[in-house]
């Protein structure tokens, strides 16, 4: 089992080399853009593509204990975490094993979307969390329109 198929490239939110983007207080688009720029998956993506990606993200509130995606589910979206804490779990024979913890600035699910298969791990909220979600359709559309996004995702899939 390769948990990166589901979790993508979750990286700690506090990274010193994260791109610095000017933020306007209270501007939700700026906040989404900032989160995307910090996610390892999108470091090599140009600003114009990041802006288009940020515009397509949809908010999703997740309650404590809610499962965002489950092992075996079709890959239908990827997520960037704005706030909260989520556990990546591998489930086998009725038991759950925690693979990693995700928090603000982490992204997950883009590799499963890229490969077009089923989720190889489950992701469950440990606390109330706010996510930004991008659908399979929007993801495919952006990849077809953006060479920098397509190259970044293909590189991530090879790692």
Protein backbone atom coordinates (compact mmCIF):
# COMPACT_ATOMS: atom_id res chain seq x y z
CA UNK A 1 0.00 0.00 0.00
CA UNK A 2 1.26 3.45 -0.88
CA UNK A 3 -0.42 6.03 1.39
CA UNK A 4 0.88 8.87 -0.78
CA UNK A 5 -1.75 7.90 -3.35
CA UNK A 6 -4.36 9.45 -1.07
CA UNK A 7 -2.50 11.95 1.01
CA UNK A 8 -0.47 13.64 -1.65
CA UNK A 9 2.44 15.58 -0.26
CA UNK A 10 1.36 16.68 3.14
CA UNK A 11 3.97 19.10 4.42
CA UNK A 12 4.21 20.95 7.70
CA UNK A 13 2.45 24.30 7.46
CA UNK A 14 5.35 26.25 8.95
CA UNK A 15 7.89 26.19 6.16
CA UNK A 16 10.45 28.94 6.04
CA UNK A 17 10.82 28.82 2.26
CA UNK A 18 7.10 29.12 1.49
CA UNK A 19 6.38 31.74 -1.17
CA UNK A 20 5.44 35.08 0.34
CA UNK A 21 2.18 36.40 -1.04
CA UNK A 22 0.68 39.72 0.00
CA UNK A 23 -2.61 39.20 1.83
CA UNK A 24 -5.46 41.64 2.14
CA UNK A 25 -7.16 41.22 5.50
CA UNK A 26 -10.37 39.26 5.16
CA UNK A 27 -10.01 38.49 1.45
CA UNK A 28 -11.01 34.80 1.09
CA UNK A 29 -9.42 34.47 -2.36
CA UNK A 30 -6.11 35.72 -0.98
CA UNK A 31 -6.32 33.19 1.85
CA UNK A 32 -6.90 30.32 -0.61
CA UNK A 33 -4.05 31.56 -2.80
CA UNK A 34 -1.74 31.73 0.21
CA UNK A 35 -2.62 28.16 1.27
CA UNK A 36 -2.03 26.81 -2.23
CA UNK A 37 1.33 28.57 -2.53
CA UNK A 38 2.45 26.94 0.73
CA UNK A 39 1.44 23.41 -0.32
CA UNK A 40 4.38 21.40 -1.62
CA UNK A 41 2.28 20.10 -4.51
CA UNK A 42 1.96 23.58 -6.00
CA UNK A 43 5.39 25.16 -5.34
CA UNK A 44 6.36 25.07 -9.03
CA UNK A 45 3.01 26.36 -10.29
CA UNK A 46 2.89 29.87 -11.76
CA UNK A 47 0.92 32.65 -10.06
CA UNK A 48 -1.78 32.88 -12.75
CA UNK A 49 -2.55 29.16 -12.43
CA UNK A 50 -2.59 29.38 -8.63
CA UNK A 51 -5.13 32.20 -8.92
CA UNK A 52 -7.36 30.12 -11.22
CA UNK A 53 -7.02 27.16 -8.86
CA UNK A 54 -7.89 29.32 -5.83
CA UNK A 55 -11.02 30.61 -7.58
CA UNK A 56 -12.27 27.05 -8.14
CA UNK A 57 -11.81 25.84 -4.56
CA UNK A 58 -15.02 25.28 -2.63
CA UNK A 59 -15.23 25.57 1.17
CA UNK A 60 -16.01 22.48 3.21
CA UNK A 61 -16.56 22.41 6.97
CA UNK A 62 -15.77 19.08 8.59
CA UNK A 63 -17.13 18.04 12.00
CA UNK A 64 -15.15 16.16 14.63
CA UNK A 65 -14.97 12.49 13.64
CA UNK A 66 -16.27 13.11 10.11
CA UNK A 67 -14.57 11.03 7.42
CA UNK A 68 -13.57 13.16 4.43
CA UNK A 69 -12.64 10.17 2.30
CA UNK A 70 -12.54 6.45 2.98
CA UNK A 71 -10.35 3.60 1.73
CA UNK A 72 -11.90 2.28 -1.46
CA UNK A 73 -13.85 5.46 -2.28
CA UNK A 74 -13.42 6.82 -5.82
CA UNK A 75 -11.03 9.75 -6.06
CA UNK A 76 -13.44 12.65 -6.53
CA UNK A 77 -11.63 15.68 -5.08
CA UNK A 78 -8.47 16.95 -3.48
CA UNK A 79 -8.27 19.17 -0.42
CA UNK A 80 -6.20 21.92 1.18
CA UNK A 81 -6.57 22.37 4.93
CA UNK A 82 -7.14 25.90 6.21
CA UNK A 83 -7.73 25.02 9.85
CA UNK A 84 -8.06 21.97 12.04
CA UNK A 85 -6.41 18.60 12.31
CA UNK A 86 -7.07 15.43 10.33
CA UNK A 87 -5.71 11.89 10.64
CA UNK A 88 -4.73 9.78 7.64
CA UNK A 89 -5.75 6.22 8.44
CA UNK A 90 -5.16 2.84 6.90
CA UNK A 91 -8.00 0.46 7.65
CA UNK A 92 -7.70 -3.28 7.68
CA UNK A 93 -9.86 -6.03 9.19
CA UNK A 94 -11.99 -3.53 11.11
CA UNK A 95 -9.02 -1.73 12.66
CA UNK A 96 -7.61 1.72 11.90
CA UNK A 97 -3.91 2.59 11.92
CA UNK A 98 -2.81 6.23 11.86
CA UNK A 99 -0.28 6.92 9.11
CA UNK A 100 0.17 10.66 9.63
CA UNK A 101 -1.40 13.80 11.00
CA UNK A 102 -2.38 16.71 8.74
CA UNK A 103 -2.92 20.35 9.65
CA UNK A 104 -3.24 23.86 8.23
CA UNK A 105 -1.45 24.29 4.92
CA UNK A 106 -1.35 20.56 4.16
CA UNK A 107 -2.95 19.18 0.99
CA UNK A 108 -4.18 15.68 0.29
CA UNK A 109 -5.87 13.67 -2.42
CA UNK A 110 -4.21 15.05 -5.55
CA UNK A 111 -2.28 11.86 -6.32
CA UNK A 112 -5.41 9.72 -6.15
CA UNK A 113 -7.06 12.17 -8.56
CA UNK A 114 -4.10 12.04 -10.90
CA UNK A 115 -4.04 8.25 -10.98
CA UNK A 116 -7.82 8.06 -11.19
CA UNK A 117 -8.26 5.15 -8.86
CA UNK A 118 -9.65 4.43 -5.46
CA UNK A 119 -8.51 5.99 -2.20
CA UNK A 120 -5.81 3.95 -0.48
CA UNK A 121 -6.33 5.55 2.93
CA UNK A 122 -9.07 7.24 4.92
CA UNK A 123 -8.91 10.79 6.25
CA UNK A 124 -10.88 11.71 9.39
CA UNK A 125 -11.19 15.03 11.22
CA UNK A 126 -9.79 15.01 14.77
CA UNK A 127 -11.27 18.45 15.45
CA UNK A 128 -13.66 20.73 13.59
CA UNK A 129 -11.78 21.64 10.42
CA UNK A 130 -12.09 23.93 7.41
CA UNK A 131 -11.01 22.54 4.06
CA UNK A 132 -10.92 23.88 0.53
CA UNK A 133 -12.02 21.27 -2.01
CA UNK A 134 -11.33 20.99 -5.73
CA UNK A 135 -13.48 18.57 -7.76
CA UNK A 136 -12.14 16.03 -10.22
CA UNK A 137 -13.65 18.00 -13.09
CA UNK A 138 -12.06 21.31 -12.07
CA UNK A 139 -8.72 19.57 -11.44
CA UNK A 140 -8.72 17.96 -14.91
CA UNK A 141 -9.73 21.23 -16.57
CA UNK A 142 -6.92 23.14 -14.89
CA UNK A 143 -4.35 20.48 -15.70
CA UNK A 144 -5.30 20.66 -19.37
CA UNK A 145 -4.95 24.46 -19.38
CA UNK A 146 -1.79 24.82 -17.33
CA UNK A 147 1.56 23.30 -18.27
CA UNK A 148 3.07 24.34 -14.92
CA UNK A 149 0.32 22.61 -12.91
CA UNK A 150 0.48 19.51 -15.07
CA UNK A 151 4.28 19.33 -14.72
CA UNK A 152 4.14 19.84 -10.94
CA UNK A 153 1.53 17.09 -10.49
CA UNK A 154 3.39 14.68 -12.79
CA UNK A 155 6.61 15.30 -10.82
CA UNK A 156 4.79 14.66 -7.56
CA UNK A 157 3.38 11.39 -8.92
CA UNK A 158 6.91 10.19 -9.80
CA UNK A 159 8.19 10.81 -6.26
